[in-house]
Amino acid sequence: MNLKEKKVLFIDLDGTLLDSRNENTAYPSKENIKALEKANKAGIKTIISTGRSGNGVKLYLDLFKPKFAVLGNGALIYKDGEIIEEKRFSKRQVIQIIDFAKANALTIKVDDSQTCYGSESWICQKISSKLSLQNVRGYYLSSQKPYYKFVMWGKIKKSAMKQLAEDLKLKVSDISVVTSAKGYTIEVTHKDATKGK
């Protein structure tokens, strides 16, 4: 990379900046830290851009102290550690998304929470265990809290999950819906909270 030609460096966290694991926490390698230091010395603005949001990113914001950070696929924009823009779900959207998950026996994980809610199926419990999540039976999410991203999964074939994603787009207005994890999960954000925007 010719640093002289670059003005801004957008960098993802998982699998990009962070690639070393220690007790389920990802850390940047020494090489990545040196590359960021080199970019900073060259006057390149470094912007963390990630699908993560909330407390799961605070460690890295404190560590790297970027001027800007784009979290939750664009749902939260930080400048100097302060939120300058946010795209959260409305109360109505939250209720509709929870009702949709419940009607389709999907498990829900919100933002960077370490808790998931919903289905009691063995696959949901297995995924929760693998991700070290607390699994709460039932959909006890408050529609009063600010939410920026929902991730949903269930005991459903990939083709059926794709159809559910399409159905959700039609049922709830002003949202962005994509499938992830090789098509086995649905990620939902505000319509203006996408990495592209």
N, C-alpha and C. Protein backbone atom coordinates (compact mmCIF):
# COMPACT_ATOMS: atom_id res chain seq x y z
N MET A 1 0.85 -1.18 0.00
CA MET A 1 0.00 0.00 0.00
C MET A 1 0.89 1.23 0.00
N ASN A 2 0.63 2.14 -0.91
CA ASN A 2 1.35 3.40 -0.98
C ASN A 2 0.63 4.41 -0.10
N LEU A 3 1.14 4.65 1.10
CA LEU A 3 0.46 5.51 2.06
C LEU A 3 0.36 6.95 1.59
N LYS A 4 1.26 7.39 0.72
CA LYS A 4 1.24 8.78 0.27
C LYS A 4 -0.02 9.11 -0.53
N GLU A 5 -0.64 8.12 -1.14
CA GLU A 5 -1.83 8.35 -1.96
C GLU A 5 -3.13 8.23 -1.16
N LYS A 6 -3.05 7.79 0.09
CA LYS A 6 -4.26 7.55 0.88
C LYS A 6 -4.53 8.72 1.81
N LYS A 7 -5.82 9.06 1.96
CA LYS A 7 -6.24 10.13 2.86
C LYS A 7 -6.98 9.59 4.08
N VAL A 8 -7.80 8.54 3.85
CA VAL A 8 -8.63 7.96 4.90
C VAL A 8 -8.54 6.45 4.80
N LEU A 9 -8.49 5.81 5.96
CA LEU A 9 -8.44 4.36 6.02
C LEU A 9 -9.63 3.88 6.84
N PHE A 10 -10.61 3.23 6.17
CA PHE A 10 -11.73 2.61 6.87
C PHE A 10 -11.32 1.18 7.16
N ILE A 11 -11.45 0.76 8.41
CA ILE A 11 -10.98 -0.58 8.75
C ILE A 11 -12.02 -1.31 9.60
N ASP A 12 -12.34 -2.54 9.19
CA ASP A 12 -13.27 -3.39 9.91
C ASP A 12 -12.54 -3.98 11.11
N LEU A 13 -13.28 -4.52 12.06
CA LEU A 13 -12.66 -5.14 13.23
C LEU A 13 -12.44 -6.64 13.02
N ASP A 14 -13.52 -7.42 13.06
CA ASP A 14 -13.41 -8.88 13.06
C ASP A 14 -12.83 -9.41 11.75
N GLY A 15 -11.75 -10.16 11.87
CA GLY A 15 -11.12 -10.77 10.70
C GLY A 15 -10.27 -9.81 9.89
N THR A 16 -10.20 -8.56 10.30
CA THR A 16 -9.39 -7.56 9.60
C THR A 16 -8.38 -6.97 10.58
N LEU A 17 -8.82 -6.03 11.40
CA LEU A 17 -7.92 -5.45 12.40
C LEU A 17 -7.67 -6.44 13.54
N LEU A 18 -8.71 -7.17 13.92
CA LEU A 18 -8.62 -8.11 15.04
C LEU A 18 -8.47 -9.52 14.52
N ASP A 19 -7.37 -10.15 14.87
CA ASP A 19 -7.19 -11.52 14.39
C ASP A 19 -6.53 -12.44 15.41
N SER A 20 -6.25 -11.93 16.59
CA SER A 20 -5.67 -12.77 17.64
C SER A 20 -6.70 -12.92 18.75
N ARG A 21 -6.93 -14.15 19.20
CA ARG A 21 -7.93 -14.39 20.23
C ARG A 21 -7.29 -14.80 21.54
N ASN A 22 -7.86 -14.28 22.63
CA ASN A 22 -7.41 -14.62 23.96
C ASN A 22 -8.65 -14.66 24.86
N GLU A 23 -9.06 -15.84 25.28
CA GLU A 23 -10.24 -16.01 26.14
C GLU A 23 -11.47 -15.35 25.54
N ASN A 24 -11.80 -15.67 24.28
CA ASN A 24 -12.98 -15.19 23.57
C ASN A 24 -12.96 -13.68 23.27
N THR A 25 -11.85 -13.01 23.52
CA THR A 25 -11.73 -11.61 23.17
C THR A 25 -10.72 -11.48 22.05
N ALA A 26 -11.09 -10.76 21.00
CA ALA A 26 -10.20 -10.61 19.85
C ALA A 26 -9.27 -9.42 20.07
N TYR A 27 -8.03 -9.56 19.63
CA TYR A 27 -7.03 -8.50 19.75
C TYR A 27 -6.35 -8.28 18.42
N PRO A 28 -5.85 -7.07 18.20
CA PRO A 28 -5.08 -6.83 16.98
C PRO A 28 -3.69 -7.45 17.10
N SER A 29 -3.17 -7.91 15.99
CA SER A 29 -1.81 -8.43 15.99
C SER A 29 -0.81 -7.27 16.10
N LYS A 30 0.43 -7.58 16.43
CA LYS A 30 1.48 -6.56 16.50
C LYS A 30 1.67 -5.89 15.14
N GLU A 31 1.55 -6.70 14.07
CA GLU A 31 1.70 -6.16 12.72
C GLU A 31 0.61 -5.14 12.41
N ASN A 32 -0.63 -5.43 12.84
CA ASN A 32 -1.73 -4.50 12.59
C ASN A 32 -1.56 -3.21 13.39
N ILE A 33 -1.09 -3.32 14.61
CA ILE A 33 -0.85 -2.12 15.43
C ILE A 33 0.22 -1.26 14.77
N LYS A 34 1.30 -1.90 14.30
CA LYS A 34 2.37 -1.14 13.62
C LYS A 34 1.85 -0.47 12.35
N ALA A 35 0.98 -1.16 11.60
CA ALA A 35 0.43 -0.59 10.37
C ALA A 35 -0.44 0.64 10.68
N LEU A 36 -1.22 0.57 11.75
CA LEU A 36 -2.03 1.73 12.14
C LEU A 36 -1.15 2.90 12.58
N GLU A 37 -0.11 2.59 13.33
CA GLU A 37 0.82 3.65 13.76
C GLU A 37 1.48 4.31 12.55
N LYS A 38 1.85 3.51 11.57
CA LYS A 38 2.47 4.03 10.34
C LYS A 38 1.48 4.92 9.58
N ALA A 39 0.24 4.50 9.50
CA ALA A 39 -0.79 5.30 8.82
C ALA A 39 -1.00 6.63 9.55
N ASN A 40 -1.06 6.58 10.88
CA ASN A 40 -1.25 7.80 11.65
C ASN A 40 -0.09 8.78 11.45
N LYS A 41 1.13 8.25 11.43
CA LYS A 41 2.30 9.10 11.22
C LYS A 41 2.29 9.73 9.83
N ALA A 42 1.69 9.04 8.87
CA ALA A 42 1.60 9.56 7.50
C ALA A 42 0.42 10.53 7.35
N GLY A 43 -0.32 10.78 8.43
CA GLY A 43 -1.43 11.73 8.39
C GLY A 43 -2.72 11.16 7.85
N ILE A 44 -2.83 9.85 7.80
CA ILE A 44 -4.03 9.20 7.29
C ILE A 44 -5.04 9.07 8.43
N LYS A 45 -6.26 9.53 8.19
CA LYS A 45 -7.32 9.39 9.19
C LYS A 45 -7.78 7.94 9.21
N THR A 46 -7.81 7.34 10.40
CA THR A 46 -8.26 5.96 10.55
C THR A 46 -9.67 5.97 11.12
N ILE A 47 -10.57 5.28 10.44
CA ILE A 47 -11.96 5.21 10.86
C ILE A 47 -12.34 3.74 11.05
N ILE A 48 -12.70 3.37 12.27
CA ILE A 48 -13.17 2.01 12.52
C ILE A 48 -14.59 1.91 11.97
N SER A 49 -14.84 0.89 11.16
CA SER A 49 -16.16 0.67 10.56
C SER A 49 -16.52 -0.80 10.76
N THR A 50 -17.57 -1.04 11.56
CA THR A 50 -17.88 -2.41 11.95
C THR A 50 -19.38 -2.63 12.10
N GLY A 51 -19.78 -3.88 12.03
CA GLY A 51 -21.16 -4.25 12.30
C GLY A 51 -21.46 -4.28 13.78
N ARG A 52 -20.42 -4.32 14.60
CA ARG A 52 -20.61 -4.32 16.05
C ARG A 52 -21.13 -2.97 16.52
N SER A 53 -21.77 -2.97 17.70
CA SER A 53 -22.21 -1.72 18.30
C SER A 53 -22.16 -1.85 19.81
N GLY A 54 -22.20 -0.74 20.49
CA GLY A 54 -22.30 -0.74 21.94
C GLY A 54 -21.02 -1.12 22.66
N ASN A 55 -21.21 -1.77 23.82
CA ASN A 55 -20.09 -2.07 24.70
C ASN A 55 -19.05 -2.98 24.07
N GLY A 56 -19.44 -3.79 23.08
CA GLY A 56 -18.51 -4.70 22.43
C GLY A 56 -17.42 -4.00 21.65
N VAL A 57 -17.57 -2.70 21.41
CA VAL A 57 -16.58 -1.95 20.65
C VAL A 57 -15.81 -0.98 21.53
N LYS A 58 -16.33 -0.70 22.72
CA LYS A 58 -15.73 0.31 23.60
C LYS A 58 -14.25 0.04 23.85
N LEU A 59 -13.89 -1.20 24.09
CA LEU A 59 -12.50 -1.57 24.32
C LEU A 59 -11.60 -1.09 23.19
N TYR A 60 -12.06 -1.27 21.95
CA TYR A 60 -11.25 -0.93 20.78
C TYR A 60 -11.24 0.57 20.52
N LEU A 61 -12.33 1.26 20.84
CA LEU A 61 -12.34 2.71 20.71
C LEU A 61 -11.37 3.32 21.72
N ASP A 62 -11.35 2.78 22.94
CA ASP A 62 -10.42 3.26 23.96
C ASP A 62 -8.97 2.95 23.57
N LEU A 63 -8.75 1.80 22.95
CA LEU A 63 -7.40 1.37 22.58
C LEU A 63 -6.84 2.20 21.43
N PHE A 64 -7.64 2.37 20.36
CA PHE A 64 -7.13 3.03 19.15
C PHE A 64 -7.44 4.52 19.09
N LYS A 65 -8.42 4.96 19.85
CA LYS A 65 -8.82 6.36 19.87
C LYS A 65 -8.95 6.97 18.47
N PRO A 66 -9.79 6.35 17.63
CA PRO A 66 -9.96 6.91 16.28
C PRO A 66 -10.75 8.22 16.35
N LYS A 67 -10.48 9.11 15.42
CA LYS A 67 -11.25 10.37 15.34
C LYS A 67 -12.72 10.04 15.09
N PHE A 68 -12.97 9.08 14.19
CA PHE A 68 -14.33 8.67 13.85
C PHE A 68 -14.47 7.16 13.98
N ALA A 69 -15.70 6.71 14.24
CA ALA A 69 -16.01 5.28 14.23
C ALA A 69 -17.43 5.11 13.72
N VAL A 70 -17.61 4.12 12.85
CA VAL A 70 -18.92 3.78 12.30
C VAL A 70 -19.28 2.41 12.87
N LEU A 71 -20.30 2.37 13.72
CA LEU A 71 -20.67 1.13 14.41
C LEU A 71 -22.06 0.67 13.98
N GLY A 72 -22.34 -0.62 14.21
CA GLY A 72 -23.66 -1.16 13.90
C GLY A 72 -24.01 -1.00 12.43
N ASN A 73 -23.02 -1.19 11.55
CA ASN A 73 -23.21 -1.04 10.10
C ASN A 73 -23.67 0.36 9.72
N GLY A 74 -23.37 1.36 10.54
CA GLY A 74 -23.75 2.73 10.23
C GLY A 74 -24.86 3.26 11.12
N ALA A 75 -25.32 2.45 12.08
CA ALA A 75 -26.38 2.90 12.98
C ALA A 75 -25.88 3.94 13.97
N LEU A 76 -24.59 3.88 14.30
CA LEU A 76 -23.99 4.84 15.23
C LEU A 76 -22.72 5.41 14.63
N ILE A 77 -22.62 6.73 14.61
CA ILE A 77 -21.41 7.39 14.13
C ILE A 77 -20.81 8.16 15.30
N TYR A 78 -19.55 7.87 15.59
CA TYR A 78 -18.85 8.53 16.68
C TYR A 78 -17.80 9.49 16.14
N LYS A 79 -17.63 10.61 16.85
CA LYS A 79 -16.53 11.53 16.60
C LYS A 79 -15.91 11.85 17.95
N ASP A 80 -14.62 11.61 18.08
CA ASP A 80 -13.91 11.85 19.34
C ASP A 80 -14.62 11.19 20.52
N GLY A 81 -15.13 9.98 20.32
CA GLY A 81 -15.74 9.22 21.41
C GLY A 81 -17.18 9.58 21.73
N GLU A 82 -17.77 10.53 21.01
CA GLU A 82 -19.15 10.95 21.25
C GLU A 82 -20.03 10.60 20.05
N ILE A 83 -21.27 10.20 20.30
CA ILE A 83 -22.20 9.89 19.22
C ILE A 83 -22.61 11.20 18.54
N ILE A 84 -22.42 11.27 17.22
CA ILE A 84 -22.85 12.46 16.48
C ILE A 84 -24.05 12.15 15.58
N GLU A 85 -24.30 10.87 15.34
CA GLU A 85 -25.46 10.49 14.54
C GLU A 85 -25.86 9.07 14.90
N GLU A 86 -27.17 8.83 14.93
CA GLU A 86 -27.64 7.48 15.21
C GLU A 86 -28.91 7.18 14.43
N LYS A 87 -29.04 5.91 14.06
CA LYS A 87 -30.21 5.42 13.34
C LYS A 87 -30.74 4.22 14.12
N ARG A 88 -31.71 4.49 14.99
CA ARG A 88 -32.26 3.43 15.82
C ARG A 88 -33.66 3.05 15.33
N PHE A 89 -34.11 1.88 15.78
CA PHE A 89 -35.44 1.42 15.43
C PHE A 89 -36.49 2.22 16.20
N SER A 90 -37.65 2.42 15.58
CA SER A 90 -38.77 3.03 16.30
C SER A 90 -39.40 1.96 17.20
N LYS A 91 -40.20 2.40 18.15
CA LYS A 91 -40.90 1.48 19.04
C LYS A 91 -41.76 0.51 18.22
N ARG A 92 -42.43 1.04 17.20
CA ARG A 92 -43.28 0.20 16.36
C ARG A 92 -42.46 -0.86 15.63
N GLN A 93 -41.32 -0.48 15.09
CA GLN A 93 -40.46 -1.45 14.39
C GLN A 93 -40.00 -2.54 15.35
N VAL A 94 -39.61 -2.16 16.56
CA VAL A 94 -39.15 -3.15 17.55
C VAL A 94 -40.25 -4.17 17.82
N ILE A 95 -41.46 -3.69 18.05
CA ILE A 95 -42.59 -4.60 18.32
C ILE A 95 -42.83 -5.51 17.12
N GLN A 96 -42.81 -4.96 15.91
CA GLN A 96 -43.04 -5.76 14.71
C GLN A 96 -41.96 -6.81 14.51
N ILE A 97 -40.70 -6.46 14.76
CA ILE A 97 -39.59 -7.40 14.58
C ILE A 97 -39.68 -8.53 15.62
N ILE A 98 -39.98 -8.17 16.86
CA ILE A 98 -40.13 -9.19 17.91
C ILE A 98 -41.30 -10.12 17.59
N ASP A 99 -42.41 -9.55 17.16
CA ASP A 99 -43.58 -10.37 16.80
C ASP A 99 -43.25 -11.31 15.64
N PHE A 100 -42.48 -10.82 14.67
CA PHE A 100 -42.09 -11.64 13.52
C PHE A 100 -41.20 -12.81 13.99
N ALA A 101 -40.23 -12.51 14.85
CA ALA A 101 -39.35 -13.56 15.36
C ALA A 101 -40.16 -14.61 16.13
N LYS A 102 -41.07 -14.15 16.95
CA LYS A 102 -41.89 -15.06 17.75
C LYS A 102 -42.76 -15.95 16.85
N ALA A 103 -43.37 -15.36 15.83
CA ALA A 103 -44.25 -16.11 14.92
C ALA A 103 -43.49 -17.16 14.13
N ASN A 104 -42.17 -16.94 13.95
CA ASN A 104 -41.35 -17.87 13.16
C ASN A 104 -40.35 -18.65 13.99
N ALA A 105 -40.54 -18.64 15.33
CA ALA A 105 -39.69 -19.38 16.27
C ALA A 105 -38.20 -19.08 16.07
N LEU A 106 -37.88 -17.78 15.90
CA LEU A 106 -36.49 -17.36 15.73
C LEU A 106 -35.93 -16.86 17.06
N THR A 107 -34.67 -17.08 17.26
CA THR A 107 -33.97 -16.53 18.41
C THR A 107 -33.46 -15.15 18.01
N ILE A 108 -33.50 -14.20 18.95
CA ILE A 108 -33.08 -12.82 18.70
C ILE A 108 -31.88 -12.47 19.57
N LYS A 109 -30.90 -11.83 18.96
CA LYS A 109 -29.79 -11.20 19.69
C LYS A 109 -29.80 -9.73 19.28
N VAL A 110 -29.74 -8.84 20.26
CA VAL A 110 -29.83 -7.41 20.00
C VAL A 110 -28.48 -6.74 20.23
N ASP A 111 -28.06 -5.92 19.25
CA ASP A 111 -26.82 -5.17 19.35
C ASP A 111 -25.68 -6.09 19.81
N ASP A 112 -24.89 -5.67 20.78
CA ASP A 112 -23.78 -6.49 21.27
C ASP A 112 -24.11 -7.20 22.58
N SER A 113 -25.39 -7.38 22.85
CA SER A 113 -25.81 -8.04 24.07
C SER A 113 -25.25 -9.46 24.13
N GLN A 114 -24.98 -9.92 25.32
CA GLN A 114 -24.53 -11.30 25.52
C GLN A 114 -25.70 -12.21 25.88
N THR A 115 -26.91 -11.73 25.62
CA THR A 115 -28.12 -12.48 25.88
C THR A 115 -28.91 -12.62 24.59
N CYS A 116 -29.49 -13.79 24.38
CA CYS A 116 -30.40 -13.96 23.25
C CYS A 116 -31.74 -14.43 23.79
N TYR A 117 -32.78 -14.13 23.03
CA TYR A 117 -34.14 -14.37 23.48
C TYR A 117 -34.90 -15.20 22.46
N GLY A 118 -35.80 -16.05 22.96
CA GLY A 118 -36.70 -16.71 22.03
C GLY A 118 -36.80 -18.20 22.09
N SER A 119 -36.56 -18.80 20.95
CA SER A 119 -36.84 -20.21 20.72
C SER A 119 -36.07 -21.13 21.66
N GLU A 120 -36.70 -22.25 21.98
CA GLU A 120 -36.06 -23.26 22.83
C GLU A 120 -35.49 -24.41 22.02
N SER A 121 -35.46 -24.29 20.69
CA SER A 121 -34.98 -25.41 19.87
C SER A 121 -33.52 -25.73 20.17
N TRP A 122 -33.13 -26.95 19.91
CA TRP A 122 -31.76 -27.39 20.20
C TRP A 122 -30.74 -26.59 19.41
N ILE A 123 -31.05 -26.21 18.17
CA ILE A 123 -30.08 -25.47 17.36
C ILE A 123 -29.86 -24.07 17.94
N CYS A 124 -30.92 -23.45 18.44
CA CYS A 124 -30.77 -22.13 19.05
C CYS A 124 -29.94 -22.21 20.32
N GLN A 125 -30.18 -23.26 21.10
CA GLN A 125 -29.39 -23.43 22.32
C GLN A 125 -27.93 -23.74 21.99
N LYS A 126 -27.70 -24.53 20.93
CA LYS A 126 -26.33 -24.87 20.53
C LYS A 126 -25.57 -23.63 20.07
N ILE A 127 -26.22 -22.80 19.26
CA ILE A 127 -25.57 -21.57 18.79
C ILE A 127 -25.29 -20.64 19.97
N SER A 128 -26.25 -20.50 20.86
CA SER A 128 -26.08 -19.66 22.04
C SER A 128 -24.89 -20.12 22.87
N SER A 129 -24.78 -21.43 23.04
CA SER A 129 -23.67 -22.00 23.81
C SER A 129 -22.34 -21.74 23.12
N LYS A 130 -22.30 -21.94 21.81
CA LYS A 130 -21.06 -21.74 21.05
C LYS A 130 -20.59 -20.28 21.13
N LEU A 131 -21.54 -19.34 21.14
CA LEU A 131 -21.20 -17.92 21.19
C LEU A 131 -21.11 -17.39 22.62
N SER A 132 -21.22 -18.29 23.60
CA SER A 132 -21.18 -17.93 25.03
C SER A 132 -22.27 -16.91 25.38
N LEU A 133 -23.46 -17.13 24.87
CA LEU A 133 -24.59 -16.24 25.14
C LEU A 133 -25.51 -16.86 26.18
N GLN A 134 -26.10 -16.02 26.99
CA GLN A 134 -27.14 -16.48 27.90
C GLN A 134 -28.42 -16.61 27.09
N ASN A 135 -29.07 -17.76 27.17
CA ASN A 135 -30.27 -18.00 26.39
C ASN A 135 -31.49 -17.86 27.28
N VAL A 136 -32.33 -16.85 26.99
CA VAL A 136 -33.55 -16.61 27.74
C VAL A 136 -34.72 -17.16 26.93
N ARG A 137 -35.49 -18.04 27.55
CA ARG A 137 -36.66 -18.60 26.86
C ARG A 137 -37.78 -17.56 26.88
N GLY A 138 -38.21 -17.16 25.72
CA GLY A 138 -39.25 -16.14 25.61
C GLY A 138 -38.68 -14.87 25.00
N TYR A 139 -39.57 -13.95 24.67
CA TYR A 139 -39.20 -12.73 23.96
C TYR A 139 -39.39 -11.52 24.87
N TYR A 140 -38.61 -11.48 25.93
CA TYR A 140 -38.76 -10.44 26.95
C TYR A 140 -37.87 -9.24 26.66
N LEU A 141 -38.09 -8.62 25.54
CA LEU A 141 -37.35 -7.42 25.15
C LEU A 141 -38.25 -6.21 25.33
N SER A 142 -37.74 -5.17 25.90
CA SER A 142 -38.51 -3.94 26.07
C SER A 142 -38.54 -3.15 24.77
N SER A 143 -39.70 -2.71 24.37
CA SER A 143 -39.79 -1.87 23.17
C SER A 143 -39.43 -0.42 23.48
N GLN A 144 -39.15 -0.13 24.74
CA GLN A 144 -38.81 1.24 25.15
C GLN A 144 -37.32 1.55 25.00
N LYS A 145 -36.48 0.53 24.90
CA LYS A 145 -35.03 0.76 24.82
C LYS A 145 -34.61 1.10 23.39
N PRO A 146 -33.47 1.80 23.25
CA PRO A 146 -32.97 2.05 21.89
C PRO A 146 -32.25 0.80 21.36
N TYR A 147 -32.64 0.37 20.18
CA TYR A 147 -32.01 -0.78 19.54
C TYR A 147 -31.50 -0.34 18.16
N TYR A 148 -30.34 -0.90 17.77
CA TYR A 148 -29.71 -0.52 16.51
C TYR A 148 -29.57 -1.69 15.54
N LYS A 149 -29.55 -2.91 16.07
CA LYS A 149 -29.35 -4.07 15.21
C LYS A 149 -29.96 -5.31 15.87
N PHE A 150 -30.68 -6.09 15.07
CA PHE A 150 -31.19 -7.39 15.49
C PHE A 150 -30.54 -8.46 14.64
N VAL A 151 -30.13 -9.55 15.27
CA VAL A 151 -29.66 -10.74 14.55
C VAL A 151 -30.59 -11.87 14.97
N MET A 152 -31.10 -12.63 13.98
CA MET A 152 -32.05 -13.70 14.27
C MET A 152 -31.63 -15.00 13.59
N TRP A 153 -31.88 -16.11 14.27
CA TRP A 153 -31.60 -17.43 13.68
C TRP A 153 -32.60 -18.43 14.25
N GLY A 154 -32.66 -19.58 13.62
CA GLY A 154 -33.58 -20.61 14.09
C GLY A 154 -33.30 -21.94 13.42
N LYS A 155 -34.15 -22.89 13.70
CA LYS A 155 -34.03 -24.24 13.13
C LYS A 155 -34.69 -24.21 11.75
N ILE A 156 -34.02 -23.55 10.81
CA ILE A 156 -34.60 -23.30 9.50
C ILE A 156 -33.54 -23.51 8.43
N LYS A 157 -33.94 -24.08 7.30
CA LYS A 157 -33.01 -24.27 6.17
C LYS A 157 -32.62 -22.92 5.59
N LYS A 158 -31.46 -22.90 4.94
CA LYS A 158 -30.95 -21.67 4.37
C LYS A 158 -31.94 -21.03 3.39
N SER A 159 -32.56 -21.83 2.54
CA SER A 159 -33.51 -21.30 1.56
C SER A 159 -34.73 -20.68 2.25
N ALA A 160 -35.17 -21.31 3.34
CA ALA A 160 -36.31 -20.78 4.09
C ALA A 160 -35.93 -19.49 4.81
N MET A 161 -34.68 -19.40 5.28
CA MET A 161 -34.22 -18.19 5.97
C MET A 161 -34.19 -17.01 4.99
N LYS A 162 -33.78 -17.28 3.76
CA LYS A 162 -33.78 -16.23 2.73
C LYS A 162 -35.20 -15.72 2.50
N GLN A 163 -36.16 -16.64 2.45
CA GLN A 163 -37.56 -16.25 2.26
C GLN A 163 -38.07 -15.46 3.47
N LEU A 164 -37.68 -15.87 4.67
CA LEU A 164 -38.08 -15.13 5.87
C LEU A 164 -37.53 -13.70 5.83
N ALA A 165 -36.30 -13.55 5.35
CA ALA A 165 -35.70 -12.21 5.24
C ALA A 165 -36.53 -11.35 4.30
N GLU A 166 -36.96 -11.92 3.19
CA GLU A 166 -37.80 -11.20 2.23
C GLU A 166 -39.15 -10.85 2.86
N ASP A 167 -39.73 -11.80 3.59
CA ASP A 167 -41.02 -11.56 4.25
C ASP A 167 -40.91 -10.43 5.28
N LEU A 168 -39.80 -10.41 6.02
CA LEU A 168 -39.60 -9.37 7.04
C LEU A 168 -39.50 -7.99 6.40
N LYS A 169 -38.81 -7.90 5.26
CA LYS A 169 -38.71 -6.62 4.54
C LYS A 169 -40.09 -6.07 4.17
N LEU A 170 -40.99 -6.97 3.80
CA LEU A 170 -42.34 -6.56 3.41
C LEU A 170 -43.20 -6.20 4.62
N LYS A 171 -42.94 -6.85 5.74
CA LYS A 171 -43.77 -6.67 6.93
C LYS A 171 -43.42 -5.40 7.71
N VAL A 172 -42.13 -5.06 7.77
CA VAL A 172 -41.68 -3.92 8.58
C VAL A 172 -41.06 -2.88 7.64
N SER A 173 -41.58 -1.68 7.67
CA SER A 173 -41.07 -0.64 6.77
C SER A 173 -39.80 0.01 7.31
N ASP A 174 -39.03 0.59 6.40
CA ASP A 174 -37.83 1.38 6.72
C ASP A 174 -36.75 0.59 7.47
N ILE A 175 -36.53 -0.66 7.06
CA ILE A 175 -35.45 -1.45 7.63
C ILE A 175 -34.56 -1.99 6.51
N SER A 176 -33.35 -2.33 6.88
CA SER A 176 -32.43 -3.02 5.98
C SER A 176 -32.30 -4.45 6.50
N VAL A 177 -32.47 -5.43 5.61
CA VAL A 177 -32.43 -6.83 6.01
C VAL A 177 -31.45 -7.57 5.11
N VAL A 178 -30.49 -8.27 5.72
CA VAL A 178 -29.56 -9.11 4.96
C VAL A 178 -29.43 -10.45 5.68
N THR A 179 -29.06 -11.48 4.92
CA THR A 179 -28.73 -12.75 5.56
C THR A 179 -27.22 -12.79 5.74
N SER A 180 -26.78 -13.47 6.78
CA SER A 180 -25.35 -13.59 7.08
C SER A 180 -25.06 -14.99 7.58
N ALA A 181 -23.83 -15.24 8.03
CA ALA A 181 -23.43 -16.56 8.51
C ALA A 181 -23.79 -17.63 7.49
N LYS A 182 -23.35 -17.39 6.26
CA LYS A 182 -23.60 -18.31 5.14
C LYS A 182 -25.08 -18.51 4.86
N GLY A 183 -25.89 -17.50 5.21
CA GLY A 183 -27.32 -17.55 4.92
C GLY A 183 -28.19 -18.11 6.02
N TYR A 184 -27.61 -18.41 7.19
CA TYR A 184 -28.38 -19.02 8.27
C TYR A 184 -28.87 -18.03 9.32
N THR A 185 -28.51 -16.76 9.19
CA THR A 185 -29.02 -15.75 10.11
C THR A 185 -29.55 -14.56 9.32
N ILE A 186 -30.39 -13.78 9.97
CA ILE A 186 -30.92 -12.55 9.41
C ILE A 186 -30.41 -11.39 10.26
N GLU A 187 -29.84 -10.36 9.62
CA GLU A 187 -29.42 -9.15 10.32
C GLU A 187 -30.33 -8.02 9.90
N VAL A 188 -30.83 -7.27 10.89
CA VAL A 188 -31.77 -6.19 10.62
C VAL A 188 -31.24 -4.90 11.23
N THR A 189 -31.20 -3.84 10.42
CA THR A 189 -30.83 -2.51 10.89
C THR A 189 -31.82 -1.51 10.32
N HIS A 190 -31.73 -0.27 10.75
CA HIS A 190 -32.52 0.81 10.18
C HIS A 190 -32.17 0.93 8.70
N LYS A 191 -33.08 1.38 7.86
CA LYS A 191 -32.85 1.43 6.41
C LYS A 191 -31.65 2.28 6.05
N ASP A 192 -31.31 3.27 6.87
CA ASP A 192 -30.15 4.14 6.58
C ASP A 192 -28.88 3.68 7.28
N ALA A 193 -28.94 2.54 7.96
CA ALA A 193 -27.77 2.01 8.66
C ALA A 193 -27.22 0.81 7.90
N THR A 194 -26.47 1.11 6.86
CA THR A 194 -25.82 0.05 6.09
C THR A 194 -24.37 0.45 5.87
N LYS A 195 -23.50 -0.53 5.72
CA LYS A 195 -22.08 -0.21 5.51
C LYS A 195 -21.88 0.64 4.25
N GLY A 196 -22.69 0.40 3.24
CA GLY A 196 -22.57 1.17 2.00
C GLY A 196 -22.88 2.64 2.21
N LYS A 197 -23.91 2.93 2.98
CA LYS A 197 -24.28 4.34 3.24
C LYS A 197 -23.35 4.97 4.24
